C-alpha atoms as a PDB file:
ATOM      1  CA  MET A   1     111.933 129.933  62.896  1.00  0.00           C
ATOM      2  CA  TYR A   2     115.051 127.975  63.836  1.00  0.00           C
ATOM      3  CA  ASP A   3     116.055 124.874  61.907  1.00  0.00           C
ATOM      4  CA  MET A   4     116.250 121.443  63.487  1.00  0.00           C
ATOM      5  CA  GLY A   5     120.078 121.516  63.585  1.00  0.00           C
ATOM      6  CA  THR A   6     120.119 124.622  65.763  1.00  0.00           C
ATOM      7  CA  ARG A   7     117.536 123.117  68.080  1.00  0.00           C
ATOM      8  CA  LYS A   8     119.514 119.876  68.524  1.00  0.00           C
ATOM      9  CA  GLN A   9     122.778 121.775  69.057  1.00  0.00           C
ATOM     10  CA  ALA A  10     121.231 123.871  71.816  1.00  0.00           C
ATOM     11  CA  LEU A  11     119.755 120.836  73.582  1.00  0.00           C
ATOM     12  CA  THR A  12     123.074 118.990  73.306  1.00  0.00           C
ATOM     13  CA  LEU A  13     124.933 121.834  75.026  1.00  0.00           C
ATOM     14  CA  VAL A  14     122.288 122.026  77.739  1.00  0.00           C
ATOM     15  CA  GLY A  15     122.583 118.269  78.212  1.00  0.00           C
ATOM     16  CA  GLN A  16     126.326 118.697  78.849  1.00  0.00           C
ATOM     17  CA  GLY A  17     125.540 120.786  81.901  1.00  0.00           C
ATOM     18  CA  ARG A  18     125.791 124.207  80.328  1.00  0.00           C
ATOM     19  CA  SER A  19     123.502 126.935  81.592  1.00  0.00           C
ATOM     20  CA  LEU A  20     120.742 128.352  79.425  1.00  0.00           C
ATOM     21  CA  ASN A  21     122.421 131.749  79.589  1.00  0.00           C
ATOM     22  CA  SER A  22     125.760 130.518  78.195  1.00  0.00           C
ATOM     23  CA  VAL A  23     124.104 128.455  75.451  1.00  0.00           C
ATOM     24  CA  SER A  24     121.934 131.404  74.492  1.00  0.00           C
ATOM     25  CA  LYS A  25     124.967 133.673  74.087  1.00  0.00           C
ATOM     26  CA  GLU A  26     126.962 131.074  72.144  1.00  0.00           C
ATOM     27  CA  ILE A  27     124.415 130.172  69.457  1.00  0.00           C
ATOM     28  CA  GLY A  28     122.355 133.390  69.500  1.00  0.00           C
ATOM     29  CA  VAL A  29     119.042 131.925  70.627  1.00  0.00           C
ATOM     30  CA  SER A  30     116.849 133.262  73.406  1.00  0.00           C
ATOM     31  CA  ARG A  31     116.615 131.325  76.648  1.00  0.00           C
ATOM     32  CA  ALA A  32     112.828 131.140  76.287  1.00  0.00           C
ATOM     33  CA  ALA A  33     113.201 129.350  72.952  1.00  0.00           C
ATOM     34  CA  ILE A  34     115.691 126.847  74.390  1.00  0.00           C
ATOM     35  CA  ARG A  35     113.409 126.245  77.352  1.00  0.00           C
ATOM     36  CA  SER A  36     110.470 125.528  75.020  1.00  0.00           C
ATOM     37  CA  TRP A  37     112.617 123.114  72.960  1.00  0.00           C
ATOM     38  CA  GLN A  38     113.214 121.074  76.093  1.00  0.00           C
ATOM     39  CA  THR A  39     109.488 120.350  76.089  1.00  0.00           C
ATOM     40  CA  ARG A  40     108.925 120.100  72.331  1.00  0.00           C
ATOM     41  CA  ILE A  41     111.754 120.110  69.809  1.00  0.00           C
ATOM     42  CA  GLU A  42     109.597 119.727  66.706  1.00  0.00           C
ATOM     43  CA  PRO A  43     108.218 122.971  65.274  1.00  0.00           C
ATOM     44  CA  LEU A  44     104.478 123.352  65.268  1.00  0.00           C
ATOM     45  CA  GLY A  45     102.899 122.356  61.993  1.00  0.00           C
ATOM     46  CA  PRO A  46     101.012 124.803  59.812  1.00  0.00           C
ATOM     47  CA  THR A  47      97.634 125.706  61.228  1.00  0.00           C
ATOM     48  CA  ALA A  48      94.450 126.111  59.303  1.00  0.00           C
ATOM     49  CA  PRO A  49      93.865 129.683  58.162  1.00  0.00           C
ATOM     50  CA  GLY A  50      91.768 131.637  60.609  1.00  0.00           C
ATOM     51  CA  CYS A  51      89.897 133.339  57.794  1.00  0.00           C
ATOM     52  CA  PRO A  52      88.049 131.484  55.022  1.00  0.00           C
ATOM     53  CA  ARG A  53      88.948 134.285  52.620  1.00  0.00           C
ATOM     54  CA  CYS A  54      92.704 134.067  53.286  1.00  0.00           C
ATOM     55  CA  GLY A  55      93.271 130.456  52.235  1.00  0.00           C
ATOM     56  CA  ASP A  56      94.802 129.281  48.976  1.00  0.00           C
ATOM     57  CA  VAL A  57      91.258 128.996  47.639  1.00  0.00           C
ATOM     58  CA  PRO A  58      89.074 131.726  49.183  1.00  0.00           C
ATOM     59  CA  GLY A  59      85.852 130.290  50.523  1.00  0.00           C
ATOM     60  CA  LYS A  60      82.774 131.304  52.464  1.00  0.00           C
ATOM     61  CA  PRO A  61      82.311 131.383  56.247  1.00  0.00           C
ATOM     62  CA  ASP A  62      81.292 128.048  57.710  1.00  0.00           C
ATOM     63  CA  ASP A  63      78.164 129.455  59.346  1.00  0.00           C
ATOM     64  CA  GLN A  64      76.550 131.361  56.505  1.00  0.00           C
ATOM     65  CA  VAL A  65      73.356 131.987  58.474  1.00  0.00           C
ATOM     66  CA  ALA A  66      75.265 133.869  61.174  1.00  0.00           C
ATOM     67  CA  TYR A  67      77.268 135.724  58.545  1.00  0.00           C
ATOM     68  CA  SER A  68      74.164 136.889  56.680  1.00  0.00           C
ATOM     69  CA  TYR A  69      72.705 138.297  59.904  1.00  0.00           C
ATOM     70  CA  LEU A  70      75.958 139.986  60.944  1.00  0.00           C
ATOM     71  CA  LEU A  71      76.323 141.464  57.455  1.00  0.00           C
ATOM     72  CA  GLY A  72      72.970 143.189  57.911  1.00  0.00           C
ATOM     73  CA  LEU A  73      73.995 144.484  61.340  1.00  0.00           C
ATOM     74  CA  TYR A  74      77.301 145.774  59.971  1.00  0.00           C
ATOM     75  CA  LEU A  75      75.711 147.624  57.067  1.00  0.00           C
ATOM     76  CA  GLY A  76      73.212 149.200  59.445  1.00  0.00           C
ATOM     77  CA  ASP A  77      75.034 150.138  62.653  1.00  0.00           C
ATOM     78  CA  GLY A  78      78.544 148.735  62.296  1.00  0.00           C
ATOM     79  CA  CYS A  79      81.989 150.040  61.476  1.00  0.00           C
ATOM     80  CA  ILE A  80      85.488 148.599  61.137  1.00  0.00           C
ATOM     81  CA  SER A  81      88.469 150.562  62.439  1.00  0.00           C
ATOM     82  CA  TYR A  82      92.213 149.973  62.284  1.00  0.00           C
ATOM     83  CA  LEU A  83      94.069 149.481  65.567  1.00  0.00           C
ATOM     84  CA  HIS A  84      97.727 148.560  64.930  1.00  0.00           C
ATOM     85  CA  ARG A  85      99.911 145.822  63.432  1.00  0.00           C
ATOM     86  CA  GLY A  86      97.252 144.801  60.961  1.00  0.00           C
ATOM     87  CA  VAL A  87      94.571 144.367  63.623  1.00  0.00           C
ATOM     88  CA  HIS A  88      91.106 145.792  63.013  1.00  0.00           C
ATOM     89  CA  PHE A  89      88.083 145.818  65.265  1.00  0.00           C
ATOM     90  CA  LEU A  90      84.444 145.459  64.300  1.00  0.00           C
ATOM     91  CA  ARG A  91      82.052 147.520  66.383  1.00  0.00           C
ATOM     92  CA  ILE A  92      78.257 147.236  66.298  1.00  0.00           C
ATOM     93  CA  THR A  93      76.312 149.866  68.220  1.00  0.00           C
ATOM     94  CA  CYS A  94      73.293 148.403  70.043  1.00  0.00           C
ATOM     95  CA  ALA A  95      70.811 150.311  72.199  1.00  0.00           C
ATOM     96  CA  ASP A  96      70.482 149.305  75.840  1.00  0.00           C
ATOM     97  CA  ALA A  97      66.720 149.095  75.352  1.00  0.00           C
ATOM     98  CA  TRP A  98      67.062 145.833  73.392  1.00  0.00           C
ATOM     99  CA  PRO A  99      69.169 143.385  75.462  1.00  0.00           C
ATOM    100  CA  GLY A 100      68.228 140.457  73.252  1.00  0.00           C
ATOM    101  CA  LEU A 101      69.669 142.189  70.207  1.00  0.00           C
ATOM    102  CA  ILE A 102      72.938 142.765  72.058  1.00  0.00           C
ATOM    103  CA  ASP A 103      73.133 139.063  72.920  1.00  0.00           C
ATOM    104  CA  SER A 104      72.380 138.034  69.328  1.00  0.00           C
ATOM    105  CA  CYS A 105      75.038 140.371  67.957  1.00  0.00           C
ATOM    106  CA  ALA A 106      77.694 139.106  70.371  1.00  0.00           C
ATOM    107  CA  GLU A 107      76.732 135.508  69.627  1.00  0.00           C
ATOM    108  CA  VAL A 108      77.144 135.748  65.853  1.00  0.00           C
ATOM    109  CA  MET A 109      80.436 137.611  66.260  1.00  0.00           C
ATOM    110  CA  GLN A 110      81.735 134.785  68.434  1.00  0.00           C
ATOM    111  CA  ILE A 111      80.542 132.207  65.904  1.00  0.00           C
ATOM    112  CA  LEU A 112      82.459 133.857  63.057  1.00  0.00           C
ATOM    113  CA  ARG A 113      85.612 134.530  65.137  1.00  0.00           C
ATOM    114  CA  PRO A 114      85.633 131.713  67.719  1.00  0.00           C
ATOM    115  CA  ASP A 115      89.261 132.337  68.737  1.00  0.00           C
ATOM    116  CA  ASN A 116      88.722 136.031  69.474  1.00  0.00           C
ATOM    117  CA  LYS A 117      87.059 137.572  72.487  1.00  0.00           C
ATOM    118  CA  VAL A 118      83.899 139.638  72.063  1.00  0.00           C
ATOM    119  CA  PHE A 119      83.684 142.726  74.270  1.00  0.00           C
ATOM    120  CA  ARG A 120      80.699 144.803  75.336  1.00  0.00           C
ATOM    121  CA  ILE A 121      81.711 148.396  75.971  1.00  0.00           C
ATOM    122  CA  GLN A 122      79.089 150.404  77.818  1.00  0.00           C
ATOM    123  CA  ARG A 123      78.298 153.889  76.597  1.00  0.00           C
ATOM    124  CA  GLN A 124      75.464 156.254  77.440  1.00  0.00           C
ATOM    125  CA  GLY A 125      72.279 154.578  76.281  1.00  0.00           C
ATOM    126  CA  CYS A 126      74.039 151.940  74.187  1.00  0.00           C
ATOM    127  CA  GLN A 127      76.726 149.278  74.073  1.00  0.00           C
ATOM    128  CA  TYR A 128      79.533 148.757  71.582  1.00  0.00           C
ATOM    129  CA  VAL A 129      79.705 145.047  70.764  1.00  0.00           C
ATOM    130  CA  THR A 130      83.334 144.797  69.670  1.00  0.00           C
ATOM    131  CA  CYS A 131      85.713 142.100  68.470  1.00  0.00           C
ATOM    132  CA  TYR A 132      89.358 142.437  67.391  1.00  0.00           C
ATOM    133  CA  SER A 133      90.698 140.503  64.410  1.00  0.00           C
ATOM    134  CA  LYS A 134      93.008 140.903  61.431  1.00  0.00           C
ATOM    135  CA  HIS A 135      90.391 139.448  59.117  1.00  0.00           C
ATOM    136  CA  TRP A 136      87.363 141.732  59.435  1.00  0.00           C
ATOM    137  CA  PRO A 137      88.246 143.587  56.199  1.00  0.00           C
ATOM    138  CA  CYS A 138      88.425 140.183  54.478  1.00  0.00           C
ATOM    139  CA  LEU A 139      84.968 139.198  55.713  1.00  0.00           C
ATOM    140  CA  PHE A 140      83.452 142.627  55.070  1.00  0.00           C
ATOM    141  CA  PRO A 141      85.098 144.116  51.961  1.00  0.00           C
ATOM    142  CA  GLN A 142      82.661 147.039  52.157  1.00  0.00           C
ATOM    143  CA  HIS A 143      85.060 148.523  54.724  1.00  0.00           C
ATOM    144  CA  GLY A 144      86.712 151.688  53.512  1.00  0.00           C
ATOM    145  CA  PRO A 145      87.504 155.288  54.410  1.00  0.00           C
ATOM    146  CA  GLY A 146      84.591 157.609  54.977  1.00  0.00           C
ATOM    147  CA  ARG A 147      80.964 157.095  55.819  1.00  0.00           C
ATOM    148  CA  LYS A 148      78.934 154.405  54.121  1.00  0.00           C
ATOM    149  CA  HIS A 149      76.448 156.821  52.571  1.00  0.00           C
ATOM    150  CA  GLU A 150      79.306 158.819  51.019  1.00  0.00           C
ATOM    151  CA  ARG A 151      80.798 155.910  49.066  1.00  0.00           C
ATOM    152  CA  THR A 152      79.667 152.955  47.009  1.00  0.00           C
ATOM    153  CA  ILE A 153      78.402 149.920  48.916  1.00  0.00           C
ATOM    154  CA  ALA A 154      78.067 146.731  46.881  1.00  0.00           C
ATOM    155  CA  LEU A 155      78.187 143.049  47.783  1.00  0.00           C
ATOM    156  CA  GLU A 156      80.884 140.775  46.437  1.00  0.00           C
ATOM    157  CA  PRO A 157      79.630 137.790  44.399  1.00  0.00           C
ATOM    158  CA  TRP A 158      80.297 135.367  47.270  1.00  0.00           C
ATOM    159  CA  GLN A 159      78.406 137.654  49.667  1.00  0.00           C
ATOM    160  CA  GLN A 160      75.461 137.867  47.294  1.00  0.00           C
ATOM    161  CA  GLU A 161      75.332 134.070  47.146  1.00  0.00           C
ATOM    162  CA  ILE A 162      75.082 133.935  50.946  1.00  0.00           C
ATOM    163  CA  VAL A 163      72.344 136.581  50.999  1.00  0.00           C
ATOM    164  CA  ASP A 164      70.435 134.740  48.276  1.00  0.00           C
ATOM    165  CA  ALA A 165      70.664 131.523  50.300  1.00  0.00           C
ATOM    166  CA  HIS A 166      69.664 133.186  53.600  1.00  0.00           C
ATOM    167  CA  PRO A 167      67.715 136.341  52.697  1.00  0.00           C
ATOM    168  CA  TRP A 168      65.611 136.513  55.842  1.00  0.00           C
ATOM    169  CA  GLU A 169      68.662 136.633  58.095  1.00  0.00           C
ATOM    170  CA  PHE A 170      70.034 139.520  56.037  1.00  0.00           C
ATOM    171  CA  ILE A 171      66.717 141.354  56.338  1.00  0.00           C
ATOM    172  CA  ARG A 172      66.640 140.677  60.088  1.00  0.00           C
ATOM    173  CA  GLY A 173      70.105 142.177  60.505  1.00  0.00           C
ATOM    174  CA  LEU A 174      69.128 145.325  58.626  1.00  0.00           C
ATOM    175  CA  ILE A 175      65.838 145.717  60.501  1.00  0.00           C
ATOM    176  CA  HIS A 176      67.449 145.065  63.892  1.00  0.00           C
ATOM    177  CA  SER A 177      70.090 147.726  63.215  1.00  0.00           C
ATOM    178  CA  ASP A 178      68.349 150.486  61.257  1.00  0.00           C
ATOM    179  CA  GLY A 179      64.709 149.460  61.435  1.00  0.00           C
ATOM    180  CA  CYS A 180      61.782 149.282  63.779  1.00  0.00           C
ATOM    181  CA  ARG A 181      58.438 147.578  64.190  1.00  0.00           C
ATOM    182  CA  ILE A 182      55.338 149.397  65.344  1.00  0.00           C
ATOM    183  CA  THR A 183      51.732 148.413  65.904  1.00  0.00           C
ATOM    184  CA  ASN A 184      49.294 150.454  63.843  1.00  0.00           C
ATOM    185  CA  TRP A 185      45.589 150.445  64.526  1.00  0.00           C
ATOM    186  CA  THR A 186      42.391 151.439  62.816  1.00  0.00           C
ATOM    187  CA  THR A 187      38.685 151.236  63.573  1.00  0.00           C
ATOM    188  CA  ARG A 188      35.833 149.904  61.508  1.00  0.00           C
ATOM    189  CA  VAL A 189      32.138 149.720  62.132  1.00  0.00           C
ATOM    190  CA  VAL A 190      31.065 146.082  62.444  1.00  0.00           C
ATOM    191  CA  GLY A 191      27.464 145.290  63.313  1.00  0.00           C
ATOM    192  CA  GLY A 192      26.773 148.905  64.113  1.00  0.00           C
ATOM    193  CA  ALA A 193      29.605 149.107  66.659  1.00  0.00           C
ATOM    194  CA  PRO A 194      33.178 150.366  66.135  1.00  0.00           C
ATOM    195  CA  LYS A 195      35.825 147.659  66.284  1.00  0.00           C
ATOM    196  CA  ARG A 196      39.548 148.237  66.673  1.00  0.00           C
ATOM    197  CA  TYR A 197      42.059 146.368  64.498  1.00  0.00           C
ATOM    198  CA  GLU A 198      45.790 146.242  65.160  1.00  0.00           C
ATOM    199  CA  TYR A 199      48.497 145.198  62.727  1.00  0.00           C
ATOM    200  CA  PRO A 200      52.312 145.310  62.720  1.00  0.00           C
ATOM    201  CA  ARG A 201      54.326 147.496  60.396  1.00  0.00           C
ATOM    202  CA  TYR A 202      58.069 147.464  59.737  1.00  0.00           C
ATOM    203  CA  PHE A 203      60.197 150.469  58.810  1.00  0.00           C
ATOM    204  CA  PHE A 204      63.788 150.625  57.572  1.00  0.00           C
ATOM    205  CA  THR A 205      65.746 153.868  57.345  1.00  0.00           C
ATOM    206  CA  ASN A 206      69.260 154.407  56.017  1.00  0.00           C
ATOM    207  CA  THR A 207      70.979 157.370  54.392  1.00  0.00           C
ATOM    208  CA  SER A 208      72.880 155.154  51.930  1.00  0.00           C
ATOM    209  CA  THR A 209      70.968 154.612  48.698  1.00  0.00           C
ATOM    210  CA  ASP A 210      73.101 151.530  48.022  1.00  0.00           C
ATOM    211  CA  ILE A 211      72.102 149.892  51.318  1.00  0.00           C
ATOM    212  CA  ILE A 212      68.473 150.835  50.676  1.00  0.00           C
ATOM    213  CA  GLY A 213      68.824 149.105  47.312  1.00  0.00           C
ATOM    214  CA  LEU A 214      70.220 145.935  48.894  1.00  0.00           C
ATOM    215  CA  PHE A 215      67.264 145.898  51.280  1.00  0.00           C
ATOM    216  CA  THR A 216      64.602 146.396  48.604  1.00  0.00           C
ATOM    217  CA  ASP A 217      66.229 143.976  46.145  1.00  0.00           C
ATOM    218  CA  THR A 218      66.153 141.254  48.790  1.00  0.00           C
ATOM    219  CA  LEU A 219      62.500 142.007  49.536  1.00  0.00           C
ATOM    220  CA  ASP A 220      61.718 141.760  45.817  1.00  0.00           C
ATOM    221  CA  ARG A 221      63.332 138.323  45.613  1.00  0.00           C
ATOM    222  CA  LEU A 222      61.239 137.258  48.609  1.00  0.00           C
ATOM    223  CA  GLY A 223      58.067 138.567  46.993  1.00  0.00           C
ATOM    224  CA  VAL A 224      57.418 141.113  49.752  1.00  0.00           C
ATOM    225  CA  GLU A 225      55.768 144.371  48.743  1.00  0.00           C
ATOM    226  CA  TRP A 226      57.238 147.612  50.016  1.00  0.00           C
ATOM    227  CA  LYS A 227      56.888 151.332  49.538  1.00  0.00           C
ATOM    228  CA  THR A 228      58.939 154.455  50.160  1.00  0.00           C
ATOM    229  CA  HIS A 229      57.637 156.718  52.902  1.00  0.00           C
ATOM    230  CA  ARG A 230      60.539 159.161  52.553  1.00  0.00           C
ATOM    231  CA  PRO A 231      63.767 159.330  50.481  1.00  0.00           C
ATOM    232  CA  GLN A 232      65.780 157.305  53.016  1.00  0.00           C
ATOM    233  CA  GLY A 233      62.963 155.157  54.378  1.00  0.00           C
ATOM    234  CA  ILE A 234      61.189 151.956  53.383  1.00  0.00           C
ATOM    235  CA  SER A 235      58.040 150.546  54.928  1.00  0.00           C
ATOM    236  CA  ARG A 236      56.156 147.305  54.429  1.00  0.00           C
ATOM    237  CA  PRO A 237      52.468 148.086  53.975  1.00  0.00           C
ATOM    238  CA  HIS A 238      49.966 146.165  56.042  1.00  0.00           C
ATOM    239  CA  GLY A 239      47.589 143.632  54.611  1.00  0.00           C
ATOM    240  CA  HIS A 240      50.263 141.722  52.716  1.00  0.00           C
ATOM    241  CA  PRO A 241      49.478 137.993  52.409  1.00  0.00           C
ATOM    242  CA  ARG A 242      53.005 137.086  53.602  1.00  0.00           C
ATOM    243  CA  ARG A 243      52.602 138.948  56.884  1.00  0.00           C
ATOM    244  CA  THR A 244      52.792 135.754  58.936  1.00  0.00           C
ATOM    245  CA  GLN A 245      56.079 134.766  57.304  1.00  0.00           C
ATOM    246  CA  ILE A 246      57.507 138.226  57.921  1.00  0.00           C
ATOM    247  CA  LEU A 247      56.482 138.101  61.577  1.00  0.00           C
ATOM    248  CA  THR A 248      58.098 134.699  61.954  1.00  0.00           C
ATOM    249  CA  ALA A 249      61.333 135.606  60.170  1.00  0.00           C
ATOM    250  CA  ILE A 250      61.974 139.045  61.627  1.00  0.00           C
ATOM    251  CA  GLY A 251      60.056 139.058  64.885  1.00  0.00           C
ATOM    252  CA  PRO A 252      59.877 142.058  67.201  1.00  0.00           C
ATOM    253  CA  VAL A 253      62.846 144.337  67.569  1.00  0.00           C
ATOM    254  CA  THR A 254      62.504 143.941  71.331  1.00  0.00           C
ATOM    255  CA  LEU A 255      64.253 140.569  71.040  1.00  0.00           C
ATOM    256  CA  LEU A 256      63.474 139.402  74.533  1.00  0.00           C
ATOM    257  CA  PRO A 257      64.635 135.801  75.233  1.00  0.00           C
ATOM    258  CA  ARG A 258      65.070 134.201  71.818  1.00  0.00           C
ATOM    259  CA  PRO A 259      66.227 130.802  70.494  1.00  0.00           C
ATOM    260  CA  ARG A 260      69.909 130.056  70.150  1.00  0.00           C
ATOM    261  CA  TRP A 261      71.416 129.993  66.687  1.00  0.00           C
ATOM    262  CA  ASP A 262      71.865 126.240  66.777  1.00  0.00           C
ATOM    263  CA  SER A 263      68.199 125.593  67.575  1.00  0.00           C
ATOM    264  CA  PRO A 264      65.627 124.489  64.994  1.00  0.00           C
ATOM    265  CA  GLN A 265      63.913 127.894  65.316  1.00  0.00           C
ATOM    266  CA  ILE A 266      66.886 129.627  63.784  1.00  0.00           C
ATOM    267  CA  VAL A 267      64.901 132.375  62.098  1.00  0.00           C
ATOM    268  CA  GLY A 268      63.078 133.400  65.268  1.00  0.00           C
ATOM    269  CA  ARG A 269      59.941 132.357  67.015  1.00  0.00           C
ATOM    270  CA  ALA A 270      56.535 132.731  65.385  1.00  0.00           C
ATOM    271  CA  LEU A 271      54.677 135.701  66.710  1.00  0.00           C
ATOM    272  CA  THR A 272      51.387 135.493  64.870  1.00  0.00           C
ATOM    273  CA  GLY A 273      48.824 137.357  66.874  1.00  0.00           C
ATOM    274  CA  GLU A 274      51.283 138.219  69.634  1.00  0.00           C
ATOM    275  CA  LYS A 275      51.732 141.861  70.487  1.00  0.00           C
ATOM    276  CA  PRO A 276      55.297 143.159  70.873  1.00  0.00           C
ATOM    277  CA  ARG A 277      56.366 142.894  74.485  1.00  0.00           C
ATOM    278  CA  CYS A 278      57.863 146.332  74.756  1.00  0.00           C
ATOM    279  CA  ASP A 279      57.050 148.035  78.027  1.00  0.00           C
ATOM    280  CA  LEU A 280      59.520 150.838  78.571  1.00  0.00           C
ATOM    281  CA  ARG A 281      58.440 151.114  82.185  1.00  0.00           C
ATOM    282  CA  ALA A 282      59.725 147.596  82.844  1.00  0.00           C
ATOM    283  CA  HIS A 283      63.298 148.466  81.799  1.00  0.00           C
ATOM    284  CA  ASP A 284      65.029 151.248  83.665  1.00  0.00           C
ATOM    285  CA  SER A 285      67.713 151.374  80.967  1.00  0.00           C
ATOM    286  CA  ALA A 286      65.052 152.122  78.377  1.00  0.00           C
ATOM    287  CA  GLN A 287      64.214 155.473  79.919  1.00  0.00           C
ATOM    288  CA  PRO A 288      65.513 158.566  78.081  1.00  0.00           C
ATOM    289  CA  SER A 289      69.180 159.154  78.753  1.00  0.00           C
ATOM    290  CA  ARG A 290      68.469 162.646  80.028  1.00  0.00           C
ATOM    291  CA  LEU A 291      66.602 161.098  82.986  1.00  0.00           C
ATOM    292  CA  ARG A 292      69.366 158.638  83.872  1.00  0.00           C
ATOM    293  CA  GLY A 293      72.549 159.483  85.716  1.00  0.00           C
ATOM    294  CA  ARG A 294      71.386 162.983  86.621  1.00  0.00           C
ATOM    295  CA  SER A 295      73.040 164.591  89.575  1.00  0.00           C
ATOM    296  CA  SER A 296      70.992 164.649  92.748  1.00  0.00           C
ATOM    297  CA  ARG A 297      71.984 168.288  93.138  1.00  0.00           C
ATOM    298  CA  GLY A 298      69.538 169.529  90.539  1.00  0.00           C
ATOM    299  CA  ARG A 299      68.744 169.601  86.852  1.00  0.00           C
ATOM    300  CA  ARG A 300      71.667 171.828  85.919  1.00  0.00           C
ATOM    301  CA  GLY A 301      74.190 170.255  88.240  1.00  0.00           C
ATOM    302  CA  GLY A 302      73.949 173.129  90.715  1.00  0.00           C
ATOM    303  CA  ARG A 303      72.778 173.291  94.286  1.00  0.00           C
ATOM    304  CA  ARG A 304      69.431 171.652  95.051  1.00  0.00           C
ATOM    305  CA  PRO A 305      66.856 174.421  95.459  1.00  0.00           C
ATOM    306  CA  GLN A 306      65.721 174.991  98.999  1.00  0.00           C
ATOM    307  CA  PRO A 307      62.352 176.337 100.124  1.00  0.00           C
ATOM    308  CA  GLY A 308      62.407 180.079  99.685  1.00  0.00           C
ATOM    309  CA  GLY A 309      65.638 179.944  97.692  1.00  0.00           C
ATOM    310  CA  ARG A 310      66.261 181.551  94.343  1.00  0.00           C
ATOM    311  CA  PHE A 311      65.086 178.400  92.552  1.00  0.00           C
ATOM    312  CA  GLY A 312      62.045 177.910  94.733  1.00  0.00           C
ATOM    313  CA  GLY A 313      59.727 180.433  93.143  1.00  0.00           C
ATOM    314  CA  ARG A 314      56.881 180.234  95.643  1.00  0.00           C
ATOM    315  CA  GLY A 315      58.987 179.187  98.566  1.00  0.00           C
ATOM    316  CA  GLU A 316      58.824 175.410  98.037  1.00  0.00           C
ATOM    317  CA  ALA A 317      60.966 172.985  96.077  1.00  0.00           C
ATOM    318  CA  PRO A 318      59.536 171.033  93.139  1.00  0.00           C
ATOM    319  CA  ALA A 319      57.979 167.690  93.988  1.00  0.00           C
ATOM    320  CA  ARG A 320      60.571 165.725  92.003  1.00  0.00           C
ATOM    321  CA  TRP A 321      64.130 166.417  90.960  1.00  0.00           C
ATOM    322  CA  GLY A 322      66.138 164.072  88.765  1.00  0.00           C
END
């Protein structure tokens, strides 16, 4: 940064009719800098730190609700990678089958980094919701070399305070990244006739025992019962008295049109008695990836079989190819 004396000297020489090129060579200042001083001679004042953790007194993100949700997404399906010059990028992998989840992920990223652009990079069957920033390692100190399940994952005290204040958002982030919701059913004989009962059930699977522990500890603080259905999996048994609250807080993983984060229904709409609206036939992108993008020339990329050809068998082509 140039001092005020250098700035005034350059403008004085320019005011005497000198060219920007000659003044630049004489005092050793670029022409672009001199040109900008003609518009504003005073240096820009110090700006507020772009990261709440990088200030003189480290603080918490302004929107703690959005942070708690994004923390769950990051621990489930996110990673932070180094680019160059101190810039990192956060990438959350979201399946194409759940467009509402992709929108929610991009929205909370934009809330936490309002001055950075959020990208959606299309890949086969999924999208990478990505944002570049120098401060992702500050906001997510769990970042480190190696896979999450091969190293220790623990929350910092300030992160734990946010999770304690907004536990349902943290649970939603974990479920939306590494969980699922299904509809179980059973039959009972009522009045001499069989009657079918349906109930929702949530599952969470992760290969990191530390992340599993964060999930179960939060459920314990919420008073939600859970059980282990396999070493890396947690399920919430049906019949729990807090089922309605769980349905309201987490909602279906389909995440079709949902409330905005600044709406009163910030934890999701109530879905008591509503079946998950998940019809794979209604979304072409939800079909298995092996059925999408296939060459019209045949299953193996070769020539389409013709009647009587070597692929035809009985002299006629199959009814449907790719």
